[in-house]
Amino acid sequence: MTDSEKLDLLLAQIQGINGHIGQIEKQNADTFKELMNVEREVLKNQDAIKVLNAKYDTLRLKADNSTLLLKLIDRQAEEMSELKERVTQLESKLA
């Protein structure tokens, strides 16, 4: 093999390597773009999770308040029953 043939072979190999490098660079750029898209979606999801957590906390507080109100209503109903009984007893004593 002559020096010229060796140089041609090396040049062909270098061109092949350069072609592969170009493909790798394009794949890297595509991968980077995809990673940026994924990161953007992750940030959107984190924001959505924060909003949902805030709504959940609000609903939980409302549920707790409703439970407390129901207990208060029950207690007042019991007190009202006791008062009615006492009124009935007093009415029967006065009659």
PDB file of N, CA and C in Angstrom:
ATOM      1  N   MET A   1       0.857  -1.160   0.000  1.00  0.00           N
ATOM      2  CA  MET A   1       0.000   0.000   0.000  1.00  0.00           C
ATOM      3  C   MET A   1       0.916   1.239   0.000  1.00  0.00           C
ATOM      4  N   THR A   2       0.606   2.130  -0.879  1.00  0.00           N
ATOM      5  CA  THR A   2       1.439   3.326  -1.012  1.00  0.00           C
ATOM      6  C   THR A   2       1.052   4.344   0.058  1.00  0.00           C
ATOM      7  N   ASP A   3       1.903   5.318   0.215  1.00  0.00           N
ATOM      8  CA  ASP A   3       1.619   6.378   1.188  1.00  0.00           C
ATOM      9  C   ASP A   3       0.350   7.128   0.817  1.00  0.00           C
ATOM     10  N   SER A   4       0.134   7.332  -0.461  1.00  0.00           N
ATOM     11  CA  SER A   4      -1.062   8.026  -0.932  1.00  0.00           C
ATOM     12  C   SER A   4      -2.311   7.223  -0.587  1.00  0.00           C
ATOM     13  N   GLU A   5      -2.238   5.910  -0.769  1.00  0.00           N
ATOM     14  CA  GLU A   5      -3.364   5.053  -0.445  1.00  0.00           C
ATOM     15  C   GLU A   5      -3.627   5.044   1.069  1.00  0.00           C
ATOM     16  N   LYS A   6      -2.528   5.036   1.837  1.00  0.00           N
ATOM     17  CA  LYS A   6      -2.668   5.075   3.300  1.00  0.00           C
ATOM     18  C   LYS A   6      -3.327   6.374   3.739  1.00  0.00           C
ATOM     19  N   LEU A   7      -2.893   7.485   3.114  1.00  0.00           N
ATOM     20  CA  LEU A   7      -3.477   8.783   3.453  1.00  0.00           C
ATOM     21  C   LEU A   7      -4.956   8.825   3.082  1.00  0.00           C
ATOM     22  N   ASP A   8      -5.293   8.266   1.906  1.00  0.00           N
ATOM     23  CA  ASP A   8      -6.694   8.215   1.497  1.00  0.00           C
ATOM     24  C   ASP A   8      -7.527   7.387   2.473  1.00  0.00           C
ATOM     25  N   LEU A   9      -6.957   6.261   2.908  1.00  0.00           N
ATOM     26  CA  LEU A   9      -7.648   5.404   3.872  1.00  0.00           C
ATOM     27  C   LEU A   9      -7.841   6.131   5.194  1.00  0.00           C
ATOM     28  N   LEU A  10      -6.779   6.799   5.658  1.00  0.00           N
ATOM     29  CA  LEU A  10      -6.882   7.572   6.909  1.00  0.00           C
ATOM     30  C   LEU A  10      -7.908   8.697   6.783  1.00  0.00           C
ATOM     31  N   LEU A  11      -7.876   9.380   5.619  1.00  0.00           N
ATOM     32  CA  LEU A  11      -8.831  10.460   5.396  1.00  0.00           C
ATOM     33  C   LEU A  11     -10.263   9.921   5.412  1.00  0.00           C
ATOM     34  N   ALA A  12     -10.503   8.760   4.801  1.00  0.00           N
ATOM     35  CA  ALA A  12     -11.833   8.145   4.797  1.00  0.00           C
ATOM     36  C   ALA A  12     -12.249   7.778   6.221  1.00  0.00           C
ATOM     37  N   GLN A  13     -11.308   7.262   7.000  1.00  0.00           N
ATOM     38  CA  GLN A  13     -11.606   6.900   8.388  1.00  0.00           C
ATOM     39  C   GLN A  13     -11.925   8.149   9.212  1.00  0.00           C
ATOM     40  N   ILE A  14     -11.158   9.210   8.990  1.00  0.00           N
ATOM     41  CA  ILE A  14     -11.389  10.466   9.717  1.00  0.00           C
ATOM     42  C   ILE A  14     -12.755  11.031   9.344  1.00  0.00           C
ATOM     43  N   GLN A  15     -13.104  10.981   8.070  1.00  0.00           N
ATOM     44  CA  GLN A  15     -14.415  11.469   7.636  1.00  0.00           C
ATOM     45  C   GLN A  15     -15.530  10.633   8.267  1.00  0.00           C
ATOM     46  N   GLY A  16     -15.308   9.318   8.348  1.00  0.00           N
ATOM     47  CA  GLY A  16     -16.290   8.451   9.005  1.00  0.00           C
ATOM     48  C   GLY A  16     -16.430   8.803  10.476  1.00  0.00           C
ATOM     49  N   ILE A  17     -15.296   9.045  11.116  1.00  0.00           N
ATOM     50  CA  ILE A  17     -15.313   9.428  12.537  1.00  0.00           C
ATOM     51  C   ILE A  17     -16.022  10.768  12.702  1.00  0.00           C
ATOM     52  N   ASN A  18     -15.722  11.716  11.826  1.00  0.00           N
ATOM     53  CA  ASN A  18     -16.385  13.026  11.892  1.00  0.00           C
ATOM     54  C   ASN A  18     -17.893  12.882  11.706  1.00  0.00           C
ATOM     55  N   GLY A  19     -18.306  11.979  10.819  1.00  0.00           N
ATOM     56  CA  GLY A  19     -19.735  11.732  10.633  1.00  0.00           C
ATOM     57  C   GLY A  19     -20.363  11.187  11.893  1.00  0.00           C
ATOM     58  N   HIS A  20     -19.670  10.259  12.541  1.00  0.00           N
ATOM     59  CA  HIS A  20     -20.180   9.703  13.805  1.00  0.00           C
ATOM     60  C   HIS A  20     -20.229  10.774  14.889  1.00  0.00           C
ATOM     61  N   ILE A  21     -19.208  11.620  14.932  1.00  0.00           N
ATOM     62  CA  ILE A  21     -19.187  12.709  15.918  1.00  0.00           C
ATOM     63  C   ILE A  21     -20.378  13.636  15.690  1.00  0.00           C
ATOM     64  N   GLY A  22     -20.674  13.938  14.436  1.00  0.00           N
ATOM     65  CA  GLY A  22     -21.829  14.781  14.119  1.00  0.00           C
ATOM     66  C   GLY A  22     -23.127  14.147  14.590  1.00  0.00           C
ATOM     67  N   GLN A  23     -23.261  12.841  14.369  1.00  0.00           N
ATOM     68  CA  GLN A  23     -24.467  12.139  14.828  1.00  0.00           C
ATOM     69  C   GLN A  23     -24.569  12.180  16.347  1.00  0.00           C
ATOM     70  N   ILE A  24     -23.442  11.961  17.015  1.00  0.00           N
ATOM     71  CA  ILE A  24     -23.431  11.980  18.481  1.00  0.00           C
ATOM     72  C   ILE A  24     -23.798  13.370  18.994  1.00  0.00           C
ATOM     73  N   GLU A  25     -23.240  14.411  18.357  1.00  0.00           N
ATOM     74  CA  GLU A  25     -23.567  15.777  18.775  1.00  0.00           C
ATOM     75  C   GLU A  25     -25.055  16.064  18.597  1.00  0.00           C
ATOM     76  N   LYS A  26     -25.645  15.597  17.489  1.00  0.00           N
ATOM     77  CA  LYS A  26     -27.077  15.789  17.265  1.00  0.00           C
ATOM     78  C   LYS A  26     -27.887  15.027  18.317  1.00  0.00           C
ATOM     79  N   GLN A  27     -27.458  13.796  18.617  1.00  0.00           N
ATOM     80  CA  GLN A  27     -28.154  13.019  19.652  1.00  0.00           C
ATOM     81  C   GLN A  27     -28.051  13.720  20.993  1.00  0.00           C
ATOM     82  N   ASN A  28     -26.872  14.275  21.284  1.00  0.00           N
ATOM     83  CA  ASN A  28     -26.693  15.002  22.551  1.00  0.00           C
ATOM     84  C   ASN A  28     -27.610  16.220  22.606  1.00  0.00           C
ATOM     85  N   ALA A  29     -27.706  16.949  21.491  1.00  0.00           N
ATOM     86  CA  ALA A  29     -28.586  18.121  21.455  1.00  0.00           C
ATOM     87  C   ALA A  29     -30.038  17.697  21.653  1.00  0.00           C
ATOM     88  N   ASP A  30     -30.435  16.603  20.983  1.00  0.00           N
ATOM     89  CA  ASP A  30     -31.804  16.110  21.141  1.00  0.00           C
ATOM     90  C   ASP A  30     -32.060  15.670  22.576  1.00  0.00           C
ATOM     91  N   THR A  31     -31.079  14.981  23.161  1.00  0.00           N
ATOM     92  CA  THR A  31     -31.212  14.521  24.543  1.00  0.00           C
ATOM     93  C   THR A  31     -31.318  15.712  25.488  1.00  0.00           C
ATOM     94  N   PHE A  32     -30.507  16.748  25.252  1.00  0.00           N
ATOM     95  CA  PHE A  32     -30.552  17.945  26.093  1.00  0.00           C
ATOM     96  C   PHE A  32     -31.915  18.616  25.997  1.00  0.00           C
ATOM     97  N   LYS A  33     -32.435  18.735  24.758  1.00  0.00           N
ATOM     98  CA  LYS A  33     -33.767  19.334  24.591  1.00  0.00           C
ATOM     99  C   LYS A  33     -34.822  18.532  25.344  1.00  0.00           C
ATOM    100  N   GLU A  34     -34.724  17.222  25.243  1.00  0.00           N
ATOM    101  CA  GLU A  34     -35.691  16.364  25.935  1.00  0.00           C
ATOM    102  C   GLU A  34     -35.570  16.520  27.449  1.00  0.00           C
ATOM    103  N   LEU A  35     -34.353  16.612  27.940  1.00  0.00           N
ATOM    104  CA  LEU A  35     -34.152  16.824  29.378  1.00  0.00           C
ATOM    105  C   LEU A  35     -34.749  18.150  29.829  1.00  0.00           C
ATOM    106  N   MET A  36     -34.600  19.179  29.018  1.00  0.00           N
ATOM    107  CA  MET A  36     -35.178  20.484  29.352  1.00  0.00           C
ATOM    108  C   MET A  36     -36.706  20.390  29.379  1.00  0.00           C
ATOM    109  N   ASN A  37     -37.278  19.653  28.417  1.00  0.00           N
ATOM    110  CA  ASN A  37     -38.730  19.469  28.411  1.00  0.00           C
ATOM    111  C   ASN A  37     -39.192  18.718  29.652  1.00  0.00           C
ATOM    112  N   VAL A  38     -38.442  17.690  30.026  1.00  0.00           N
ATOM    113  CA  VAL A  38     -38.788  16.911  31.215  1.00  0.00           C
ATOM    114  C   VAL A  38     -38.687  17.784  32.457  1.00  0.00           C
ATOM    115  N   GLU A  39     -37.632  18.587  32.537  1.00  0.00           N
ATOM    116  CA  GLU A  39     -37.472  19.461  33.704  1.00  0.00           C
ATOM    117  C   GLU A  39     -38.627  20.459  33.787  1.00  0.00           C
ATOM    118  N   ARG A  40     -39.028  20.996  32.648  1.00  0.00           N
ATOM    119  CA  ARG A  40     -40.143  21.938  32.615  1.00  0.00           C
ATOM    120  C   ARG A  40     -41.419  21.258  33.109  1.00  0.00           C
ATOM    121  N   GLU A  41     -41.655  20.041  32.667  1.00  0.00           N
ATOM    122  CA  GLU A  41     -42.848  19.299  33.108  1.00  0.00           C
ATOM    123  C   GLU A  41     -42.781  18.986  34.599  1.00  0.00           C
ATOM    124  N   VAL A  42     -41.597  18.647  35.078  1.00  0.00           N
ATOM    125  CA  VAL A  42     -41.437  18.372  36.512  1.00  0.00           C
ATOM    126  C   VAL A  42     -41.778  19.616  37.319  1.00  0.00           C
ATOM    127  N   LEU A  43     -41.301  20.769  36.871  1.00  0.00           N
ATOM    128  CA  LEU A  43     -41.611  22.011  37.583  1.00  0.00           C
ATOM    129  C   LEU A  43     -43.107  22.309  37.557  1.00  0.00           C
ATOM    130  N   LYS A  44     -43.746  22.074  36.407  1.00  0.00           N
ATOM    131  CA  LYS A  44     -45.203  22.262  36.339  1.00  0.00           C
ATOM    132  C   LYS A  44     -45.908  21.335  37.320  1.00  0.00           C
ATOM    133  N   ASN A  45     -45.460  20.085  37.357  1.00  0.00           N
ATOM    134  CA  ASN A  45     -46.086  19.116  38.260  1.00  0.00           C
ATOM    135  C   ASN A  45     -45.867  19.508  39.717  1.00  0.00           C
ATOM    136  N   GLN A  46     -44.682  20.009  40.023  1.00  0.00           N
ATOM    137  CA  GLN A  46     -44.423  20.444  41.404  1.00  0.00           C
ATOM    138  C   GLN A  46     -45.355  21.579  41.784  1.00  0.00           C
ATOM    139  N   ASP A  47     -45.558  22.516  40.861  1.00  0.00           N
ATOM    140  CA  ASP A  47     -46.474  23.620  41.137  1.00  0.00           C
ATOM    141  C   ASP A  47     -47.898  23.096  41.331  1.00  0.00           C
ATOM    142  N   ALA A  48     -48.298  22.170  40.485  1.00  0.00           N
ATOM    143  CA  ALA A  48     -49.641  21.598  40.608  1.00  0.00           C
ATOM    144  C   ALA A  48     -49.791  20.861  41.932  1.00  0.00           C
ATOM    145  N   ILE A  49     -48.748  20.160  42.350  1.00  0.00           N
ATOM    146  CA  ILE A  49     -48.782  19.437  43.627  1.00  0.00           C
ATOM    147  C   ILE A  49     -48.915  20.422  44.781  1.00  0.00           C
ATOM    148  N   LYS A  50     -48.202  21.539  44.707  1.00  0.00           N
ATOM    149  CA  LYS A  50     -48.310  22.554  45.764  1.00  0.00           C
ATOM    150  C   LYS A  50     -49.734  23.081  45.854  1.00  0.00           C
ATOM    151  N   VAL A  51     -50.337  23.355  44.702  1.00  0.00           N
ATOM    152  CA  VAL A  51     -51.717  23.860  44.679  1.00  0.00           C
ATOM    153  C   VAL A  51     -52.668  22.824  45.267  1.00  0.00           C
ATOM    154  N   LEU A  52     -52.496  21.567  44.851  1.00  0.00           N
ATOM    155  CA  LEU A  52     -53.364  20.509  45.368  1.00  0.00           C
ATOM    156  C   LEU A  52     -53.180  20.315  46.867  1.00  0.00           C
ATOM    157  N   ASN A  53     -51.951  20.399  47.347  1.00  0.00           N
ATOM    158  CA  ASN A  53     -51.710  20.270  48.790  1.00  0.00           C
ATOM    159  C   ASN A  53     -52.390  21.404  49.553  1.00  0.00           C
ATOM    160  N   ALA A  54     -52.322  22.606  49.002  1.00  0.00           N
ATOM    161  CA  ALA A  54     -52.979  23.736  49.658  1.00  0.00           C
ATOM    162  C   ALA A  54     -54.496  23.530  49.689  1.00  0.00           C
ATOM    163  N   LYS A  55     -55.060  23.052  48.578  1.00  0.00           N
ATOM    164  CA  LYS A  55     -56.503  22.784  48.543  1.00  0.00           C
ATOM    165  C   LYS A  55     -56.866  21.673  49.515  1.00  0.00           C
ATOM    166  N   TYR A  56     -56.025  20.636  49.575  1.00  0.00           N
ATOM    167  CA  TYR A  56     -56.270  19.533  50.507  1.00  0.00           C
ATOM    168  C   TYR A  56     -56.275  20.042  51.945  1.00  0.00           C
ATOM    169  N   ASP A  57     -55.274  20.862  52.281  1.00  0.00           N
ATOM    170  CA  ASP A  57     -55.201  21.402  53.637  1.00  0.00           C
ATOM    171  C   ASP A  57     -56.436  22.231  53.955  1.00  0.00           C
ATOM    172  N   THR A  58     -56.876  23.035  52.980  1.00  0.00           N
ATOM    173  CA  THR A  58     -58.076  23.856  53.183  1.00  0.00           C
ATOM    174  C   THR A  58     -59.298  22.973  53.414  1.00  0.00           C
ATOM    175  N   LEU A  59     -59.443  21.946  52.578  1.00  0.00           N
ATOM    176  CA  LEU A  59     -60.589  21.048  52.737  1.00  0.00           C
ATOM    177  C   LEU A  59     -60.531  20.313  54.071  1.00  0.00           C
ATOM    178  N   ARG A  60     -59.334  19.912  54.467  1.00  0.00           N
ATOM    179  CA  ARG A  60     -59.196  19.224  55.755  1.00  0.00           C
ATOM    180  C   ARG A  60     -59.593  20.146  56.900  1.00  0.00           C
ATOM    181  N   LEU A  61     -59.176  21.402  56.828  1.00  0.00           N
ATOM    182  CA  LEU A  61     -59.564  22.358  57.871  1.00  0.00           C
ATOM    183  C   LEU A  61     -61.077  22.577  57.874  1.00  0.00           C
ATOM    184  N   LYS A  62     -61.658  22.669  56.667  1.00  0.00           N
ATOM    185  CA  LYS A  62     -63.116  22.836  56.597  1.00  0.00           C
ATOM    186  C   LYS A  62     -63.826  21.625  57.194  1.00  0.00           C
ATOM    187  N   ALA A  63     -63.299  20.437  56.907  1.00  0.00           N
ATOM    188  CA  ALA A  63     -63.902  19.214  57.456  1.00  0.00           C
ATOM    189  C   ALA A  63     -63.783  19.218  58.982  1.00  0.00           C
ATOM    190  N   ASP A  64     -62.603  19.613  59.480  1.00  0.00           N
ATOM    191  CA  ASP A  64     -62.422  19.690  60.933  1.00  0.00           C
ATOM    192  C   ASP A  64     -63.398  20.691  61.537  1.00  0.00           C
ATOM    193  N   ASN A  65     -63.551  21.838  60.893  1.00  0.00           N
ATOM    194  CA  ASN A  65     -64.488  22.848  61.389  1.00  0.00           C
ATOM    195  C   ASN A  65     -65.914  22.324  61.362  1.00  0.00           C
ATOM    196  N   SER A  66     -66.257  21.613  60.289  1.00  0.00           N
ATOM    197  CA  SER A  66     -67.611  21.043  60.202  1.00  0.00           C
ATOM    198  C   SER A  66     -67.838  20.040  61.315  1.00  0.00           C
ATOM    199  N   THR A  67     -66.835  19.233  61.599  1.00  0.00           N
ATOM    200  CA  THR A  67     -66.949  18.253  62.682  1.00  0.00           C
ATOM    201  C   THR A  67     -67.157  18.962  64.015  1.00  0.00           C
ATOM    202  N   LEU A  68     -66.386  20.005  64.232  1.00  0.00           N
ATOM    203  CA  LEU A  68     -66.542  20.759  65.476  1.00  0.00           C
ATOM    204  C   LEU A  68     -67.926  21.396  65.566  1.00  0.00           C
ATOM    205  N   LEU A  69     -68.417  21.936  64.460  1.00  0.00           N
ATOM    206  CA  LEU A  69     -69.752  22.533  64.460  1.00  0.00           C
ATOM    207  C   LEU A  69     -70.826  21.487  64.748  1.00  0.00           C
ATOM    208  N   LEU A  70     -70.686  20.307  64.151  1.00  0.00           N
ATOM    209  CA  LEU A  70     -71.655  19.245  64.418  1.00  0.00           C
ATOM    210  C   LEU A  70     -71.631  18.834  65.887  1.00  0.00           C
ATOM    211  N   LYS A  71     -70.445  18.758  66.469  1.00  0.00           N
ATOM    212  CA  LYS A  71     -70.357  18.429  67.895  1.00  0.00           C
ATOM    213  C   LYS A  71     -71.017  19.512  68.738  1.00  0.00           C
ATOM    214  N   LEU A  72     -70.804  20.753  68.352  1.00  0.00           N
ATOM    215  CA  LEU A  72     -71.415  21.868  69.071  1.00  0.00           C
ATOM    216  C   LEU A  72     -72.933  21.806  68.952  1.00  0.00           C
ATOM    217  N   ILE A  73     -73.424  21.512  67.756  1.00  0.00           N
ATOM    218  CA  ILE A  73     -74.879  21.389  67.548  1.00  0.00           C
ATOM    219  C   ILE A  73     -75.439  20.249  68.389  1.00  0.00           C
ATOM    220  N   ASP A  74     -74.740  19.115  68.421  1.00  0.00           N
ATOM    221  CA  ASP A  74     -75.190  17.988  69.244  1.00  0.00           C
ATOM    222  C   ASP A  74     -75.235  18.378  70.714  1.00  0.00           C
ATOM    223  N   ARG A  75     -74.202  19.066  71.169  1.00  0.00           N
ATOM    224  CA  ARG A  75     -74.153  19.481  72.572  1.00  0.00           C
ATOM    225  C   ARG A  75     -75.306  20.439  72.875  1.00  0.00           C
ATOM    226  N   GLN A  76     -75.556  21.364  71.959  1.00  0.00           N
ATOM    227  CA  GLN A  76     -76.661  22.299  72.176  1.00  0.00           C
ATOM    228  C   GLN A  76     -78.006  21.571  72.152  1.00  0.00           C
ATOM    229  N   ALA A  77     -78.125  20.563  71.301  1.00  0.00           N
ATOM    230  CA  ALA A  77     -79.373  19.783  71.258  1.00  0.00           C
ATOM    231  C   ALA A  77     -79.576  19.053  72.581  1.00  0.00           C
ATOM    232  N   GLU A  78     -78.503  18.512  73.127  1.00  0.00           N
ATOM    233  CA  GLU A  78     -78.598  17.838  74.427  1.00  0.00           C
ATOM    234  C   GLU A  78     -79.010  18.825  75.512  1.00  0.00           C
ATOM    235  N   GLU A  79     -78.383  20.006  75.486  1.00  0.00           N
ATOM    236  CA  GLU A  79     -78.721  21.031  76.472  1.00  0.00           C
ATOM    237  C   GLU A  79     -80.186  21.464  76.324  1.00  0.00           C
ATOM    238  N   MET A  80     -80.627  21.570  75.056  1.00  0.00           N
ATOM    239  CA  MET A  80     -82.016  21.953  74.806  1.00  0.00           C
ATOM    240  C   MET A  80     -82.960  20.879  75.346  1.00  0.00           C
ATOM    241  N   SER A  81     -82.606  19.620  75.157  1.00  0.00           N
ATOM    242  CA  SER A  81     -83.440  18.525  75.688  1.00  0.00           C
ATOM    243  C   SER A  81     -83.497  18.592  77.204  1.00  0.00           C
ATOM    244  N   GLU A  82     -82.347  18.825  77.815  1.00  0.00           N
ATOM    245  CA  GLU A  82     -82.311  18.923  79.275  1.00  0.00           C
ATOM    246  C   GLU A  82     -83.164  20.087  79.756  1.00  0.00           C
ATOM    247  N   LEU A  83     -83.072  21.214  79.048  1.00  0.00           N
ATOM    248  CA  LEU A  83     -83.876  22.376  79.437  1.00  0.00           C
ATOM    249  C   LEU A  83     -85.369  22.087  79.278  1.00  0.00           C
ATOM    250  N   LYS A  84     -85.725  21.404  78.191  1.00  0.00           N
ATOM    251  CA  LYS A  84     -87.144  21.061  77.991  1.00  0.00           C
ATOM    252  C   LYS A  84     -87.631  20.153  79.116  1.00  0.00           C
ATOM    253  N   GLU A  85     -86.777  19.189  79.509  1.00  0.00           N
ATOM    254  CA  GLU A  85     -87.155  18.298  80.607  1.00  0.00           C
ATOM    255  C   GLU A  85     -87.373  19.092  81.886  1.00  0.00           C
ATOM    256  N   ARG A  86     -86.451  20.011  82.156  1.00  0.00           N
ATOM    257  CA  ARG A  86     -86.573  20.819  83.376  1.00  0.00           C
ATOM    258  C   ARG A  86     -87.832  21.688  83.331  1.00  0.00           C
ATOM    259  N   VAL A  87     -88.109  22.256  82.148  1.00  0.00           N
ATOM    260  CA  VAL A  87     -89.315  23.077  82.005  1.00  0.00           C
ATOM    261  C   VAL A  87     -90.551  22.208  82.231  1.00  0.00           C
ATOM    262  N   THR A  88     -90.546  21.017  81.652  1.00  0.00           N
ATOM    263  CA  THR A  88     -91.679  20.103  81.827  1.00  0.00           C
ATOM    264  C   THR A  88     -91.848  19.753  83.296  1.00  0.00           C
ATOM    265  N   GLN A  89     -90.753  19.473  83.984  1.00  0.00           N
ATOM    266  CA  GLN A  89     -90.823  19.149  85.414  1.00  0.00           C
ATOM    267  C   GLN A  89     -91.357  20.335  86.210  1.00  0.00           C
ATOM    268  N   LEU A  90     -90.863  21.517  85.877  1.00  0.00           N
ATOM    269  CA  LEU A  90     -91.340  22.706  86.607  1.00  0.00           C
ATOM    270  C   LEU A  90     -92.818  22.947  86.328  1.00  0.00           C
ATOM    271  N   GLU A  91     -93.241  22.741  85.094  1.00  0.00           N
ATOM    272  CA  GLU A  91     -94.663  22.943  84.751  1.00  0.00           C
ATOM    273  C   GLU A  91     -95.539  21.946  85.512  1.00  0.00           C
ATOM    274  N   SER A  92     -95.031  20.705  85.610  1.00  0.00           N
ATOM    275  CA  SER A  92     -95.845  19.705  86.329  1.00  0.00           C
ATOM    276  C   SER A  92     -95.879  20.013  87.812  1.00  0.00           C
ATOM    277  N   LYS A  93     -94.812  20.563  88.359  1.00  0.00           N
ATOM    278  CA  LYS A  93     -94.810  20.931  89.778  1.00  0.00           C
ATOM    279  C   LYS A  93     -95.767  22.124  90.023  1.00  0.00           C
ATOM    280  N   LEU A  94     -95.787  23.052  89.055  1.00  0.00           N
ATOM    281  CA  LEU A  94     -96.628  24.234  89.222  1.00  0.00           C
ATOM    282  C   LEU A  94     -98.102  23.935  88.949  1.00  0.00           C
ATOM    283  N   ALA A  95     -98.356  22.865  88.227  1.00  0.00           N
ATOM    284  CA  ALA A  95     -99.746  22.579  87.867  1.00  0.00           C
ATOM    285  C   ALA A  95    -100.526  21.933  89.000  1.00  0.00           C
TER     286      ALA A  95
END
